[in-house]
Protein backbone atom coordinates (compact mmCIF):
# COMPACT_ATOMS: atom_id res chain seq x y z
CA MET A 1 0.00 0.00 0.00
CA ALA A 2 2.82 2.40 0.80
CA LYS A 3 4.38 1.83 -2.61
CA LYS A 4 1.15 2.76 -4.37
CA GLU A 5 0.83 5.99 -2.37
CA ARG A 6 4.45 6.91 -3.01
CA ARG A 7 4.12 6.19 -6.70
CA SER A 8 1.05 8.40 -7.00
CA LYS A 9 3.04 11.40 -5.73
CA GLU A 10 5.69 11.21 -8.46
CA VAL A 11 5.84 13.79 -11.21
CA VAL A 12 5.13 11.94 -14.45
CA THR A 13 3.97 12.64 -18.02
CA ARG A 14 2.15 10.13 -20.23
CA GLU A 15 0.39 10.18 -23.59
CA TYR A 16 -3.06 8.64 -24.08
CA THR A 17 -5.68 8.26 -26.78
CA ILE A 18 -9.23 8.82 -25.54
CA ASN A 19 -12.08 7.33 -27.56
CA LEU A 20 -14.70 10.05 -27.10
CA HIS A 21 -17.05 8.38 -29.57
CA LYS A 22 -17.60 5.53 -27.11
CA LYS A 23 -18.05 7.87 -24.14
CA LEU A 24 -20.51 10.18 -25.92
CA HIS A 25 -22.80 7.49 -27.30
CA LYS A 26 -26.49 8.37 -26.78
CA ILE A 27 -25.70 11.86 -25.45
CA LYS A 28 -27.92 14.62 -26.82
CA PHE A 29 -26.28 16.98 -29.29
CA LYS A 30 -26.23 20.12 -27.17
CA SER A 31 -24.45 18.29 -24.35
CA ARG A 32 -21.73 16.51 -26.33
CA ALA A 33 -18.82 18.99 -26.16
CA PRO A 34 -19.37 19.90 -22.48
CA ARG A 35 -19.69 16.18 -21.64
CA ALA A 36 -16.47 15.46 -23.58
CA VAL A 37 -14.61 17.98 -21.39
CA LYS A 38 -16.02 16.29 -18.26
CA GLU A 39 -15.06 12.84 -19.59
CA ILE A 40 -11.48 13.99 -20.26
CA LYS A 41 -11.23 15.41 -16.75
CA GLY A 42 -12.64 12.20 -15.27
CA PHE A 43 -10.23 10.07 -17.30
CA ALA A 44 -7.23 12.16 -16.21
CA SER A 45 -8.37 12.07 -12.59
CA LYS A 46 -8.73 8.29 -12.65
CA ILE A 47 -5.42 7.64 -14.41
CA MET A 48 -3.27 10.09 -12.45
CA GLY A 49 -5.00 9.71 -9.09
CA THR A 50 -5.59 13.44 -8.55
CA ASN A 51 -8.82 15.31 -8.01
CA ASP A 52 -7.53 18.61 -9.39
CA VAL A 53 -7.38 18.34 -13.22
CA ARG A 54 -6.75 21.35 -15.44
CA LEU A 55 -7.16 21.46 -19.21
CA ASP A 56 -4.97 23.36 -21.62
CA VAL A 57 -6.62 26.00 -23.81
CA ASN A 58 -5.54 24.12 -26.97
CA LEU A 59 -7.15 20.90 -25.73
CA ASN A 60 -10.40 22.76 -25.09
CA LYS A 61 -10.21 24.26 -28.59
CA ALA A 62 -9.57 20.79 -30.06
CA VAL A 63 -12.70 19.42 -28.36
CA TRP A 64 -14.83 22.36 -29.54
CA SER A 65 -13.18 22.60 -33.01
CA LYS A 66 -16.09 21.01 -34.89
CA GLY A 67 -18.83 22.61 -32.80
CA ILE A 68 -20.94 21.54 -29.86
CA LYS A 69 -22.35 18.38 -31.43
CA ASN A 70 -19.60 17.11 -33.77
CA VAL A 71 -16.90 16.30 -31.23
CA PRO A 72 -13.82 14.46 -32.63
CA ASN A 73 -14.11 10.69 -32.27
CA LYS A 74 -10.64 10.25 -30.77
CA LEU A 75 -8.21 12.66 -29.15
CA ARG A 76 -4.52 12.11 -28.46
CA ILE A 77 -3.69 13.89 -25.19
CA VAL A 78 -0.70 14.27 -22.89
CA ILE A 79 -1.44 14.17 -19.16
CA SER A 80 1.19 15.22 -16.65
CA ARG A 81 1.05 15.00 -12.87
CA ARG A 82 2.65 18.04 -11.27
CA ARG A 83 3.51 19.08 -7.74
CA ASN A 84 1.61 21.85 -5.99
CA ASP A 85 3.95 24.77 -5.27
CA ASP A 86 1.66 26.29 -2.65
CA GLU A 87 2.64 25.47 0.91
CA ASP A 88 -0.98 25.88 2.05
CA ALA A 89 -2.33 23.41 -0.51
CA LYS A 90 -4.35 20.48 0.80
CA VAL A 91 -3.43 18.27 -2.16
CA ARG A 92 0.19 17.59 -3.11
CA CYS A 93 -0.29 17.01 -6.83
CA TRP A 94 -2.51 18.16 -9.69
CA SER A 95 -2.89 17.00 -13.28
CA PHE A 96 -2.51 19.00 -16.47
CA ALA A 97 -4.02 17.68 -19.70
CA ARG A 98 -3.01 19.08 -23.08
CA ASP A 99 -3.46 18.20 -26.73
CA SER A 100 -0.50 16.16 -28.02
CA THR A 101 -0.25 18.32 -31.14
CA GLY A 102 -0.64 21.61 -29.25
CA TYR A 103 1.78 23.59 -27.17
CA SER A 104 1.68 23.72 -23.39
CA ILE A 105 2.06 26.75 -21.15
CA GLU A 106 5.40 26.21 -19.43
């Protein structure tokens, strides 16, 4: 158990492909892009083990690129777990998701 906790605190970056088509099946048109953003955040939270997930502007633009109802079927994203610099922070790490073709703010 201690190894799993220690491993979840490491700073790490990984690349994933999310199949949004499968996650947005039977979702009404006006909810598809907002639901896709929520699904990406949920995926990143589950994979990285952090509750605080932030999306890059370019990733948000990639999701919304074809409008509210025509979300891309698959997205290639890069998720990185980062340390919290604030000393007052309750959580040690947070996740940052960005589009693999886009540029990150660093």
